[in-house]
Amino acid sequence: RTDIADGKLVYVSESGATRGQVNPNIKVPEGAVVQINLVN
């Protein structure tokens, strides 16, 4: 989800173990099919 935090434009995770993290590290296996949903 896009947001403003501490005066900066950021992405905020709304999924799984990274929920609530700002600009989270997205860790995936090599060869994985990855889907990133973006909500304004």
PDB file of all heavy atoms in Angstrom:
ATOM      1  N   ARG A   1       0.853  -1.190   0.000  1.00  0.00           N
ATOM      2  CA  ARG A   1       0.000   0.000   0.000  1.00  0.00           C
ATOM      3  C   ARG A   1       0.889   1.240   0.000  1.00  0.00           C
ATOM      4  O   ARG A   1       1.849   1.324   0.757  1.00  0.00           O
ATOM      5  CB  ARG A   1      -0.902  -0.018   1.237  1.00  0.00           C
ATOM      6  CG  ARG A   1      -1.659   1.291   1.498  1.00  0.00           C
ATOM      7  CD  ARG A   1      -2.579   1.148   2.714  1.00  0.00           C
ATOM      8  NE  ARG A   1      -1.928   0.564   3.870  1.00  0.00           N
ATOM      9  CZ  ARG A   1      -1.179   1.249   4.739  1.00  0.00           C
ATOM     10  NH1 ARG A   1      -1.000   2.554   4.563  1.00  0.00           N
ATOM     11  NH2 ARG A   1      -0.632   0.633   5.779  1.00  0.00           N
ATOM     12  N   THR A   2       0.561   2.201  -0.859  1.00  0.00           N
ATOM     13  CA  THR A   2       1.320   3.451  -0.851  1.00  0.00           C
ATOM     14  C   THR A   2       0.871   4.320   0.316  1.00  0.00           C
ATOM     15  O   THR A   2      -0.302   4.314   0.688  1.00  0.00           O
ATOM     16  CB  THR A   2       1.146   4.227  -2.165  1.00  0.00           C
ATOM     17  OG1 THR A   2      -0.206   4.720  -2.253  1.00  0.00           O
ATOM     18  CG2 THR A   2       1.431   3.345  -3.368  1.00  0.00           C
ATOM     19  N   ASP A   3       1.835   5.061   0.907  1.00  0.00           N
ATOM     20  CA  ASP A   3       1.509   5.864   2.084  1.00  0.00           C
ATOM     21  C   ASP A   3       2.580   6.944   2.256  1.00  0.00           C
ATOM     22  O   ASP A   3       3.562   6.991   1.513  1.00  0.00           O
ATOM     23  CB  ASP A   3       1.444   4.974   3.327  1.00  0.00           C
ATOM     24  CG  ASP A   3       0.558   5.557   4.424  1.00  0.00           C
ATOM     25  OD1 ASP A   3       0.211   6.756   4.339  1.00  0.00           O
ATOM     26  OD2 ASP A   3       0.224   4.821   5.364  1.00  0.00           O
ATOM     27  N   ILE A   4       2.374   7.809   3.246  1.00  0.00           N
ATOM     28  CA  ILE A   4       3.369   8.799   3.650  1.00  0.00           C
ATOM     29  C   ILE A   4       3.716   8.514   5.099  1.00  0.00           C
ATOM     30  O   ILE A   4       2.835   8.450   5.953  1.00  0.00           O
ATOM     31  CB  ILE A   4       2.842  10.236   3.503  1.00  0.00           C
ATOM     32  CG1 ILE A   4       2.509  10.543   2.037  1.00  0.00           C
ATOM     33  CG2 ILE A   4       3.858  11.244   4.027  1.00  0.00           C
ATOM     34  CD1 ILE A   4       1.893  11.912   1.822  1.00  0.00           C
ATOM     35  N   ALA A   5       5.026   8.305   5.370  1.00  0.00           N
ATOM     36  CA  ALA A   5       5.476   8.007   6.731  1.00  0.00           C
ATOM     37  C   ALA A   5       6.725   8.819   7.029  1.00  0.00           C
ATOM     38  O   ALA A   5       7.684   8.793   6.250  1.00  0.00           O
ATOM     39  CB  ALA A   5       5.770   6.507   6.878  1.00  0.00           C
ATOM     40  N   ASP A   6       6.723   9.526   8.149  1.00  0.00           N
ATOM     41  CA  ASP A   6       7.864  10.353   8.560  1.00  0.00           C
ATOM     42  C   ASP A   6       8.298  11.299   7.452  1.00  0.00           C
ATOM     43  O   ASP A   6       9.486  11.508   7.207  1.00  0.00           O
ATOM     44  CB  ASP A   6       9.044   9.467   8.981  1.00  0.00           C
ATOM     45  CG  ASP A   6       8.725   8.626  10.204  1.00  0.00           C
ATOM     46  OD1 ASP A   6       7.968   9.121  11.062  1.00  0.00           O
ATOM     47  OD2 ASP A   6       9.217   7.493  10.299  1.00  0.00           O
ATOM     48  N   GLY A   7       7.321  11.848   6.742  1.00  0.00           N
ATOM     49  CA  GLY A   7       7.619  12.826   5.708  1.00  0.00           C
ATOM     50  C   GLY A   7       8.120  12.233   4.405  1.00  0.00           C
ATOM     51  O   GLY A   7       8.572  12.970   3.525  1.00  0.00           O
ATOM     52  N   LYS A   8       8.044  10.905   4.255  1.00  0.00           N
ATOM     53  CA  LYS A   8       8.526  10.268   3.035  1.00  0.00           C
ATOM     54  C   LYS A   8       7.404   9.481   2.365  1.00  0.00           C
ATOM     55  O   LYS A   8       6.497   8.973   3.033  1.00  0.00           O
ATOM     56  CB  LYS A   8       9.683   9.311   3.343  1.00  0.00           C
ATOM     57  CG  LYS A   8      10.941   9.992   3.850  1.00  0.00           C
ATOM     58  CD  LYS A   8      12.047   8.970   4.052  1.00  0.00           C
ATOM     59  CE  LYS A   8      13.333   9.639   4.502  1.00  0.00           C
ATOM     60  NZ  LYS A   8      14.428   8.655   4.684  1.00  0.00           N
ATOM     61  N   LEU A   9       7.471   9.401   1.043  1.00  0.00           N
ATOM     62  CA  LEU A   9       6.590   8.496   0.309  1.00  0.00           C
ATOM     63  C   LEU A   9       7.128   7.080   0.458  1.00  0.00           C
ATOM     64  O   LEU A   9       8.336   6.853   0.307  1.00  0.00           O
ATOM     65  CB  LEU A   9       6.552   8.874  -1.173  1.00  0.00           C
ATOM     66  CG  LEU A   9       5.932  10.234  -1.519  1.00  0.00           C
ATOM     67  CD1 LEU A   9       6.104  10.530  -2.994  1.00  0.00           C
ATOM     68  CD2 LEU A   9       4.453  10.251  -1.157  1.00  0.00           C
ATOM     69  N   VAL A  10       6.257   6.116   0.748  1.00  0.00           N
ATOM     70  CA  VAL A  10       6.720   4.755   1.021  1.00  0.00           C
ATOM     71  C   VAL A  10       5.707   3.736   0.512  1.00  0.00           C
ATOM     72  O   VAL A  10       4.555   4.056   0.195  1.00  0.00           O
ATOM     73  CB  VAL A  10       6.932   4.518   2.541  1.00  0.00           C
ATOM     74  CG1 VAL A  10       8.039   5.410   3.074  1.00  0.00           C
ATOM     75  CG2 VAL A  10       5.642   4.725   3.319  1.00  0.00           C
ATOM     76  N   TYR A  11       6.172   2.495   0.445  1.00  0.00           N
ATOM     77  CA  TYR A  11       5.307   1.332   0.303  1.00  0.00           C
ATOM     78  C   TYR A  11       5.201   0.669   1.679  1.00  0.00           C
ATOM     79  O   TYR A  11       6.209   0.525   2.380  1.00  0.00           O
ATOM     80  CB  TYR A  11       5.884   0.307  -0.667  1.00  0.00           C
ATOM     81  CG  TYR A  11       6.046   0.773  -2.087  1.00  0.00           C
ATOM     82  CD1 TYR A  11       7.310   0.979  -2.632  1.00  0.00           C
ATOM     83  CD2 TYR A  11       4.945   0.957  -2.918  1.00  0.00           C
ATOM     84  CE1 TYR A  11       7.479   1.366  -3.952  1.00  0.00           C
ATOM     85  CE2 TYR A  11       5.088   1.345  -4.248  1.00  0.00           C
ATOM     86  CZ  TYR A  11       6.362   1.549  -4.755  1.00  0.00           C
ATOM     87  OH  TYR A  11       6.524   1.936  -6.068  1.00  0.00           O
ATOM     88  N   VAL A  12       4.017   0.237   2.076  1.00  0.00           N
ATOM     89  CA  VAL A  12       3.811  -0.461   3.341  1.00  0.00           C
ATOM     90  C   VAL A  12       3.233  -1.834   3.037  1.00  0.00           C
ATOM     91  O   VAL A  12       2.260  -1.959   2.287  1.00  0.00           O
ATOM     92  CB  VAL A  12       2.858   0.316   4.271  1.00  0.00           C
ATOM     93  CG1 VAL A  12       2.650  -0.456   5.580  1.00  0.00           C
ATOM     94  CG2 VAL A  12       3.401   1.705   4.561  1.00  0.00           C
ATOM     95  N   SER A  13       3.846  -2.871   3.608  1.00  0.00           N
ATOM     96  CA  SER A  13       3.383  -4.240   3.358  1.00  0.00           C
ATOM     97  C   SER A  13       2.069  -4.517   4.089  1.00  0.00           C
ATOM     98  O   SER A  13       1.883  -4.120   5.240  1.00  0.00           O
ATOM     99  CB  SER A  13       4.433  -5.244   3.824  1.00  0.00           C
ATOM    100  OG  SER A  13       3.917  -6.568   3.746  1.00  0.00           O
ATOM    101  N   GLU A  14       1.167  -5.212   3.405  1.00  0.00           N
ATOM    102  CA  GLU A  14      -0.078  -5.662   4.020  1.00  0.00           C
ATOM    103  C   GLU A  14      -0.186  -7.180   3.974  1.00  0.00           C
ATOM    104  O   GLU A  14      -1.286  -7.730   4.042  1.00  0.00           O
ATOM    105  CB  GLU A  14      -1.271  -5.005   3.322  1.00  0.00           C
ATOM    106  CG  GLU A  14      -1.290  -3.493   3.485  1.00  0.00           C
ATOM    107  CD  GLU A  14      -2.626  -2.871   3.150  1.00  0.00           C
ATOM    108  OE1 GLU A  14      -3.346  -3.435   2.295  1.00  0.00           O
ATOM    109  OE2 GLU A  14      -2.948  -1.822   3.740  1.00  0.00           O
ATOM    110  N   SER A  15       0.981  -7.866   3.877  1.00  0.00           N
ATOM    111  CA  SER A  15       0.978  -9.315   3.705  1.00  0.00           C
ATOM    112  C   SER A  15       1.914 -10.011   4.677  1.00  0.00           C
ATOM    113  O   SER A  15       3.037  -9.555   4.904  1.00  0.00           O
ATOM    114  CB  SER A  15       1.423  -9.687   2.285  1.00  0.00           C
ATOM    115  OG  SER A  15       0.578  -9.144   1.311  1.00  0.00           O
ATOM    116  N   GLY A  16       1.451 -11.111   5.246  1.00  0.00           N
ATOM    117  CA  GLY A  16       2.272 -12.081   5.939  1.00  0.00           C
ATOM    118  C   GLY A  16       3.229 -11.532   6.969  1.00  0.00           C
ATOM    119  O   GLY A  16       2.916 -10.618   7.739  1.00  0.00           O
ATOM    120  N   ALA A  17       4.452 -12.111   6.972  1.00  0.00           N
ATOM    121  CA  ALA A  17       5.437 -11.797   7.996  1.00  0.00           C
ATOM    122  C   ALA A  17       5.938 -10.363   7.920  1.00  0.00           C
ATOM    123  O   ALA A  17       6.434  -9.824   8.907  1.00  0.00           O
ATOM    124  CB  ALA A  17       6.623 -12.760   7.889  1.00  0.00           C
ATOM    125  N   THR A  18       5.817  -9.738   6.753  1.00  0.00           N
ATOM    126  CA  THR A  18       6.302  -8.352   6.615  1.00  0.00           C
ATOM    127  C   THR A  18       5.210  -7.321   6.855  1.00  0.00           C
ATOM    128  O   THR A  18       5.446  -6.127   6.665  1.00  0.00           O
ATOM    129  CB  THR A  18       6.893  -8.131   5.209  1.00  0.00           C
ATOM    130  OG1 THR A  18       5.860  -8.322   4.228  1.00  0.00           O
ATOM    131  CG2 THR A  18       8.053  -9.073   4.941  1.00  0.00           C
ATOM    132  N   ARG A  19       4.007  -7.751   7.243  1.00  0.00           N
ATOM    133  CA  ARG A  19       2.891  -6.828   7.420  1.00  0.00           C
ATOM    134  C   ARG A  19       3.297  -5.644   8.293  1.00  0.00           C
ATOM    135  O   ARG A  19       3.861  -5.801   9.373  1.00  0.00           O
ATOM    136  CB  ARG A  19       1.691  -7.549   8.046  1.00  0.00           C
ATOM    137  CG  ARG A  19       0.478  -6.634   8.283  1.00  0.00           C
ATOM    138  CD  ARG A  19      -0.656  -7.391   8.955  1.00  0.00           C
ATOM    139  NE  ARG A  19      -1.219  -8.385   8.071  1.00  0.00           N
ATOM    140  CZ  ARG A  19      -2.175  -8.156   7.176  1.00  0.00           C
ATOM    141  NH1 ARG A  19      -2.662  -6.926   7.061  1.00  0.00           N
ATOM    142  NH2 ARG A  19      -2.637  -9.118   6.415  1.00  0.00           N
ATOM    143  N   GLY A  20       3.000  -4.435   7.810  1.00  0.00           N
ATOM    144  CA  GLY A  20       3.310  -3.224   8.550  1.00  0.00           C
ATOM    145  C   GLY A  20       4.688  -2.658   8.284  1.00  0.00           C
ATOM    146  O   GLY A  20       4.972  -1.517   8.669  1.00  0.00           O
ATOM    147  N   GLN A  21       5.563  -3.431   7.631  1.00  0.00           N
ATOM    148  CA  GLN A  21       6.914  -2.943   7.365  1.00  0.00           C
ATOM    149  C   GLN A  21       6.906  -1.927   6.215  1.00  0.00           C
ATOM    150  O   GLN A  21       6.155  -2.066   5.258  1.00  0.00           O
ATOM    151  CB  GLN A  21       7.851  -4.098   7.014  1.00  0.00           C
ATOM    152  CG  GLN A  21       8.146  -5.025   8.174  1.00  0.00           C
ATOM    153  CD  GLN A  21       9.130  -6.117   7.802  1.00  0.00           C
ATOM    154  OE1 GLN A  21       9.828  -6.044   6.790  1.00  0.00           O
ATOM    155  NE2 GLN A  21       9.207  -7.158   8.630  1.00  0.00           N
ATOM    156  N   VAL A  22       7.750  -0.918   6.331  1.00  0.00           N
ATOM    157  CA  VAL A  22       7.905   0.102   5.303  1.00  0.00           C
ATOM    158  C   VAL A  22       8.971  -0.355   4.299  1.00  0.00           C
ATOM    159  O   VAL A  22      10.049  -0.806   4.690  1.00  0.00           O
ATOM    160  CB  VAL A  22       8.307   1.451   5.928  1.00  0.00           C
ATOM    161  CG1 VAL A  22       8.701   2.459   4.855  1.00  0.00           C
ATOM    162  CG2 VAL A  22       7.168   1.993   6.780  1.00  0.00           C
ATOM    163  N   ASN A  23       8.630  -0.294   3.010  1.00  0.00           N
ATOM    164  CA  ASN A  23       9.545  -0.716   1.948  1.00  0.00           C
ATOM    165  C   ASN A  23      10.183  -2.065   2.288  1.00  0.00           C
ATOM    166  O   ASN A  23      11.408  -2.190   2.387  1.00  0.00           O
ATOM    167  CB  ASN A  23      10.631   0.331   1.709  1.00  0.00           C
ATOM    168  CG  ASN A  23      10.068   1.656   1.233  1.00  0.00           C
ATOM    169  OD1 ASN A  23       9.030   1.705   0.602  1.00  0.00           O
ATOM    170  ND2 ASN A  23      10.778   2.734   1.519  1.00  0.00           N
ATOM    171  N   PRO A  24       9.365  -3.090   2.499  1.00  0.00           N
ATOM    172  CA  PRO A  24       9.894  -4.365   2.995  1.00  0.00           C
ATOM    173  C   PRO A  24      10.829  -5.035   1.988  1.00  0.00           C
ATOM    174  O   PRO A  24      10.707  -4.847   0.774  1.00  0.00           O
ATOM    175  CB  PRO A  24       8.627  -5.207   3.182  1.00  0.00           C
ATOM    176  CG  PRO A  24       7.681  -4.672   2.148  1.00  0.00           C
ATOM    177  CD  PRO A  24       7.939  -3.185   2.131  1.00  0.00           C
ATOM    178  N   ASN A  25      11.781  -5.827   2.516  1.00  0.00           N
ATOM    179  CA  ASN A  25      12.548  -6.718   1.661  1.00  0.00           C
ATOM    180  C   ASN A  25      11.617  -7.846   1.212  1.00  0.00           C
ATOM    181  O   ASN A  25      11.010  -8.527   2.048  1.00  0.00           O
ATOM    182  CB  ASN A  25      13.732  -7.313   2.409  1.00  0.00           C
ATOM    183  CG  ASN A  25      14.825  -6.304   2.667  1.00  0.00           C
ATOM    184  OD1 ASN A  25      14.872  -5.251   2.029  1.00  0.00           O
ATOM    185  ND2 ASN A  25      15.706  -6.607   3.606  1.00  0.00           N
ATOM    186  N   ILE A  26      11.495  -8.039  -0.095  1.00  0.00           N
ATOM    187  CA  ILE A  26      10.675  -9.121  -0.631  1.00  0.00           C
ATOM    188  C   ILE A  26      11.617 -10.261  -0.997  1.00  0.00           C
ATOM    189  O   ILE A  26      12.390 -10.153  -1.954  1.00  0.00           O
ATOM    190  CB  ILE A  26       9.871  -8.655  -1.859  1.00  0.00           C
ATOM    191  CG1 ILE A  26       8.964  -7.473  -1.483  1.00  0.00           C
ATOM    192  CG2 ILE A  26       9.044  -9.802  -2.430  1.00  0.00           C
ATOM    193  CD1 ILE A  26       8.228  -6.871  -2.672  1.00  0.00           C
ATOM    194  N   LYS A  27      11.587 -11.346  -0.223  1.00  0.00           N
ATOM    195  CA  LYS A  27      12.492 -12.471  -0.422  1.00  0.00           C
ATOM    196  C   LYS A  27      11.758 -13.606  -1.121  1.00  0.00           C
ATOM    197  O   LYS A  27      10.711 -14.068  -0.649  1.00  0.00           O
ATOM    198  CB  LYS A  27      13.056 -12.943   0.917  1.00  0.00           C
ATOM    199  CG  LYS A  27      13.869 -11.865   1.637  1.00  0.00           C
ATOM    200  CD  LYS A  27      14.432 -12.368   2.959  1.00  0.00           C
ATOM    201  CE  LYS A  27      15.247 -11.280   3.649  1.00  0.00           C
ATOM    202  NZ  LYS A  27      15.819 -11.758   4.936  1.00  0.00           N
ATOM    203  N   VAL A  28      12.310 -14.058  -2.246  1.00  0.00           N
ATOM    204  CA  VAL A  28      11.660 -15.103  -3.034  1.00  0.00           C
ATOM    205  C   VAL A  28      12.721 -16.087  -3.521  1.00  0.00           C
ATOM    206  O   VAL A  28      13.895 -15.720  -3.676  1.00  0.00           O
ATOM    207  CB  VAL A  28      10.910 -14.506  -4.244  1.00  0.00           C
ATOM    208  CG1 VAL A  28       9.882 -13.475  -3.798  1.00  0.00           C
ATOM    209  CG2 VAL A  28      11.870 -13.879  -5.245  1.00  0.00           C
ATOM    210  N   PRO A  29      12.322 -17.338  -3.777  1.00  0.00           N
ATOM    211  CA  PRO A  29      13.271 -18.303  -4.340  1.00  0.00           C
ATOM    212  C   PRO A  29      13.575 -17.971  -5.801  1.00  0.00           C
ATOM    213  O   PRO A  29      12.741 -17.393  -6.511  1.00  0.00           O
ATOM    214  CB  PRO A  29      12.525 -19.640  -4.231  1.00  0.00           C
ATOM    215  CG  PRO A  29      11.359 -19.390  -3.342  1.00  0.00           C
ATOM    216  CD  PRO A  29      11.021 -17.947  -3.469  1.00  0.00           C
ATOM    217  N   GLU A  30      14.775 -18.324  -6.245  1.00  0.00           N
ATOM    218  CA  GLU A  30      15.093 -18.163  -7.656  1.00  0.00           C
ATOM    219  C   GLU A  30      14.160 -19.040  -8.489  1.00  0.00           C
ATOM    220  O   GLU A  30      13.896 -20.197  -8.154  1.00  0.00           O
ATOM    221  CB  GLU A  30      16.545 -18.548  -7.925  1.00  0.00           C
ATOM    222  CG  GLU A  30      16.988 -18.285  -9.350  1.00  0.00           C
ATOM    223  CD  GLU A  30      18.459 -18.547  -9.573  1.00  0.00           C
ATOM    224  OE1 GLU A  30      19.132 -18.999  -8.614  1.00  0.00           O
ATOM    225  OE2 GLU A  30      18.943 -18.312 -10.700  1.00  0.00           O
ATOM    226  N   GLY A  31      13.596 -18.461  -9.560  1.00  0.00           N
ATOM    227  CA  GLY A  31      12.674 -19.182 -10.424  1.00  0.00           C
ATOM    228  C   GLY A  31      11.217 -19.037 -10.032  1.00  0.00           C
ATOM    229  O   GLY A  31      10.328 -19.478 -10.769  1.00  0.00           O
ATOM    230  N   ALA A  32      10.938 -18.401  -8.880  1.00  0.00           N
ATOM    231  CA  ALA A  32       9.555 -18.266  -8.419  1.00  0.00           C
ATOM    232  C   ALA A  32       8.781 -17.275  -9.277  1.00  0.00           C
ATOM    233  O   ALA A  32       9.332 -16.294  -9.785  1.00  0.00           O
ATOM    234  CB  ALA A  32       9.524 -17.822  -6.961  1.00  0.00           C
ATOM    235  N   VAL A  33       7.471 -17.540  -9.434  1.00  0.00           N
ATOM    236  CA  VAL A  33       6.567 -16.580 -10.048  1.00  0.00           C
ATOM    237  C   VAL A  33       6.081 -15.651  -8.922  1.00  0.00           C
ATOM    238  O   VAL A  33       5.558 -16.106  -7.915  1.00  0.00           O
ATOM    239  CB  VAL A  33       5.380 -17.273 -10.727  1.00  0.00           C
ATOM    240  CG1 VAL A  33       4.393 -16.231 -11.244  1.00  0.00           C
ATOM    241  CG2 VAL A  33       5.871 -18.151 -11.866  1.00  0.00           C
ATOM    242  N   VAL A  34       6.297 -14.353  -9.100  1.00  0.00           N
ATOM    243  CA  VAL A  34       6.037 -13.365  -8.049  1.00  0.00           C
ATOM    244  C   VAL A  34       4.911 -12.445  -8.496  1.00  0.00           C
ATOM    245  O   VAL A  34       4.910 -11.953  -9.630  1.00  0.00           O
ATOM    246  CB  VAL A  34       7.300 -12.529  -7.763  1.00  0.00           C
ATOM    247  CG1 VAL A  34       7.027 -11.526  -6.643  1.00  0.00           C
ATOM    248  CG2 VAL A  34       8.475 -13.434  -7.408  1.00  0.00           C
ATOM    249  N   GLN A  35       3.945 -12.236  -7.621  1.00  0.00           N
ATOM    250  CA  GLN A  35       2.900 -11.251  -7.876  1.00  0.00           C
ATOM    251  C   GLN A  35       2.956 -10.183  -6.793  1.00  0.00           C
ATOM    252  O   GLN A  35       2.943 -10.485  -5.605  1.00  0.00           O
ATOM    253  CB  GLN A  35       1.516 -11.889  -7.883  1.00  0.00           C
ATOM    254  CG  GLN A  35       0.396 -10.850  -8.061  1.00  0.00           C
ATOM    255  CD  GLN A  35      -0.921 -11.472  -8.487  1.00  0.00           C
ATOM    256  OE1 GLN A  35      -0.941 -12.361  -9.334  1.00  0.00           O
ATOM    257  NE2 GLN A  35      -1.999 -11.013  -7.898  1.00  0.00           N
ATOM    258  N   ILE A  36       3.059  -8.920  -7.214  1.00  0.00           N
ATOM    259  CA  ILE A  36       3.020  -7.794  -6.280  1.00  0.00           C
ATOM    260  C   ILE A  36       1.758  -7.000  -6.568  1.00  0.00           C
ATOM    261  O   ILE A  36       1.583  -6.467  -7.674  1.00  0.00           O
ATOM    262  CB  ILE A  36       4.260  -6.887  -6.427  1.00  0.00           C
ATOM    263  CG1 ILE A  36       5.552  -7.683  -6.236  1.00  0.00           C
ATOM    264  CG2 ILE A  36       4.183  -5.746  -5.416  1.00  0.00           C
ATOM    265  CD1 ILE A  36       6.816  -6.869  -6.458  1.00  0.00           C
ATOM    266  N   ASN A  37       0.858  -6.958  -5.593  1.00  0.00           N
ATOM    267  CA  ASN A  37      -0.346  -6.149  -5.693  1.00  0.00           C
ATOM    268  C   ASN A  37      -0.067  -4.767  -5.117  1.00  0.00           C
ATOM    269  O   ASN A  37       0.562  -4.643  -4.057  1.00  0.00           O
ATOM    270  CB  ASN A  37      -1.496  -6.794  -4.912  1.00  0.00           C
ATOM    271  CG  ASN A  37      -1.744  -8.223  -5.347  1.00  0.00           C
ATOM    272  OD1 ASN A  37      -1.706  -8.539  -6.528  1.00  0.00           O
ATOM    273  ND2 ASN A  37      -2.009  -9.096  -4.376  1.00  0.00           N
ATOM    274  N   LEU A  38      -0.504  -3.737  -5.798  1.00  0.00           N
ATOM    275  CA  LEU A  38      -0.276  -2.372  -5.345  1.00  0.00           C
ATOM    276  C   LEU A  38      -1.604  -1.668  -5.127  1.00  0.00           C
ATOM    277  O   LEU A  38      -2.423  -1.567  -6.048  1.00  0.00           O
ATOM    278  CB  LEU A  38       0.553  -1.595  -6.381  1.00  0.00           C
ATOM    279  CG  LEU A  38       0.884  -0.141  -6.009  1.00  0.00           C
ATOM    280  CD1 LEU A  38       1.813  -0.106  -4.806  1.00  0.00           C
ATOM    281  CD2 LEU A  38       1.512   0.585  -7.200  1.00  0.00           C
ATOM    282  N   VAL A  39      -1.823  -1.189  -3.896  1.00  0.00           N
ATOM    283  CA  VAL A  39      -3.040  -0.474  -3.542  1.00  0.00           C
ATOM    284  C   VAL A  39      -2.676   0.968  -3.198  1.00  0.00           C
ATOM    285  O   VAL A  39      -1.750   1.209  -2.420  1.00  0.00           O
ATOM    286  CB  VAL A  39      -3.751  -1.131  -2.338  1.00  0.00           C
ATOM    287  CG1 VAL A  39      -5.016  -0.354  -1.981  1.00  0.00           C
ATOM    288  CG2 VAL A  39      -4.075  -2.585  -2.646  1.00  0.00           C
ATOM    289  N   ASN A  40      -3.372   1.914  -3.790  1.00  0.00           N
ATOM    290  CA  ASN A  40      -3.096   3.322  -3.543  1.00  0.00           C
ATOM    291  C   ASN A  40      -3.698   3.736  -2.203  1.00  0.00           C
ATOM    292  O   ASN A  40      -4.916   3.740  -2.032  1.00  0.00           O
ATOM    293  CB  ASN A  40      -3.672   4.185  -4.676  1.00  0.00           C
ATOM    294  CG  ASN A  40      -3.198   5.618  -4.617  1.00  0.00           C
ATOM    295  OD1 ASN A  40      -3.183   6.234  -3.570  1.00  0.00           O
ATOM    296  ND2 ASN A  40      -2.824   6.161  -5.768  1.00  0.00           N
TER     297      ASN A  40
END
